[in-house]
Amino acid sequence: MDPTIAATVIGVLLTVAFGAFATAFAWLRSDMNARFDKMDDKVDARFERLEGKVDGLIMTLARNGYLTEPDNASGTDD
């Protein structure tokens, strides 16, 4: 086979292979980003539920008188 034709065929094959790898990487990356977005949404929802529970606990403790301001007028910790 003529070296010019062989070099052309090899160049085309390498270009196609590089394009395939780049496309596969982009596809996998977008798929991973979608999964991370779903995971972030789940984590955000859990934090919102936890925040609501903590707020409810604080309000209940304050209503029942368990949370009061300290009577430390001197400014020192005894």
Protein backbone atom coordinates (compact mmCIF):
# COMPACT_ATOMS: atom_id res chain seq x y z
CA MET A 1 0.00 0.00 0.00
CA ASP A 2 1.24 3.45 -0.84
CA PRO A 3 2.48 5.32 2.28
CA THR A 4 0.36 8.37 1.45
CA ILE A 5 -2.84 6.33 1.32
CA ALA A 6 -1.89 4.47 4.52
CA ALA A 7 -1.19 7.76 6.34
CA THR A 8 -4.53 9.18 5.15
CA VAL A 9 -6.46 6.10 6.28
CA ILE A 10 -4.70 6.09 9.66
CA GLY A 11 -5.37 9.81 10.11
CA VAL A 12 -9.05 9.41 9.31
CA LEU A 13 -9.37 6.43 11.65
CA LEU A 14 -7.64 8.29 14.48
CA THR A 15 -9.89 11.30 13.95
CA VAL A 16 -13.00 9.12 14.03
CA ALA A 17 -11.76 7.32 17.15
CA PHE A 18 -11.02 10.62 18.90
CA GLY A 19 -14.47 11.94 17.98
CA ALA A 20 -16.10 8.77 19.32
CA PHE A 21 -14.20 9.02 22.61
CA ALA A 22 -15.03 12.72 22.96
CA THR A 23 -18.71 12.05 22.27
CA ALA A 24 -18.80 9.14 24.72
CA PHE A 25 -17.11 11.24 27.39
CA ALA A 26 -19.56 14.12 26.90
CA TRP A 27 -22.50 11.71 27.04
CA LEU A 28 -21.22 10.05 30.21
CA ARG A 29 -20.50 13.39 31.82
CA SER A 30 -23.98 14.73 31.11
CA ASP A 31 -25.44 11.51 32.50
CA MET A 32 -23.36 11.86 35.67
CA ASN A 33 -24.35 15.53 36.04
CA ALA A 34 -28.01 14.54 35.81
CA ARG A 35 -27.50 11.97 38.55
CA PHE A 36 -25.67 14.49 40.73
CA ASP A 37 -28.51 16.98 40.23
CA LYS A 38 -31.04 14.38 41.37
CA MET A 39 -28.87 13.57 44.38
CA ASP A 40 -28.54 17.29 45.22
CA ASP A 41 -32.32 17.66 45.05
CA LYS A 42 -32.78 14.75 47.47
CA VAL A 43 -30.19 16.18 49.87
CA ASP A 44 -31.82 19.62 49.71
CA ALA A 45 -35.22 18.11 50.47
CA ARG A 46 -33.81 16.20 53.45
CA PHE A 47 -32.16 19.33 54.82
CA GLU A 48 -35.41 21.27 54.46
CA ARG A 49 -37.30 18.56 56.37
CA LEU A 50 -34.60 18.50 59.05
CA GLU A 51 -34.65 22.29 59.30
CA GLY A 52 -38.42 22.20 59.76
CA LYS A 53 -38.13 19.62 62.52
CA VAL A 54 -35.43 21.61 64.32
CA ASP A 55 -37.49 24.79 64.04
CA GLY A 56 -40.50 22.95 65.47
CA LEU A 57 -38.41 21.61 68.35
CA ILE A 58 -37.03 25.06 69.15
CA MET A 59 -40.51 26.61 69.07
CA THR A 60 -41.90 23.86 71.33
CA LEU A 61 -39.05 24.24 73.82
CA ALA A 62 -39.45 28.02 73.84
CA ARG A 63 -43.23 27.78 74.32
CA ASN A 64 -42.79 25.42 77.27
CA GLY A 65 -40.23 27.70 78.92
CA TYR A 66 -37.17 25.53 78.49
CA LEU A 67 -35.38 28.13 76.38
CA THR A 68 -34.86 31.37 78.30
CA GLU A 69 -32.33 34.16 78.26
CA PRO A 70 -29.52 33.66 80.77
CA ASP A 71 -29.56 35.90 83.85
CA ASN A 72 -25.92 36.90 83.53
CA ALA A 73 -25.94 40.68 84.13
CA SER A 74 -22.32 40.83 85.33
CA GLY A 75 -20.94 39.59 82.03
CA THR A 76 -18.87 36.79 83.57
CA ASP A 77 -19.34 33.08 83.32
CA ASP A 78 -19.74 31.61 86.81
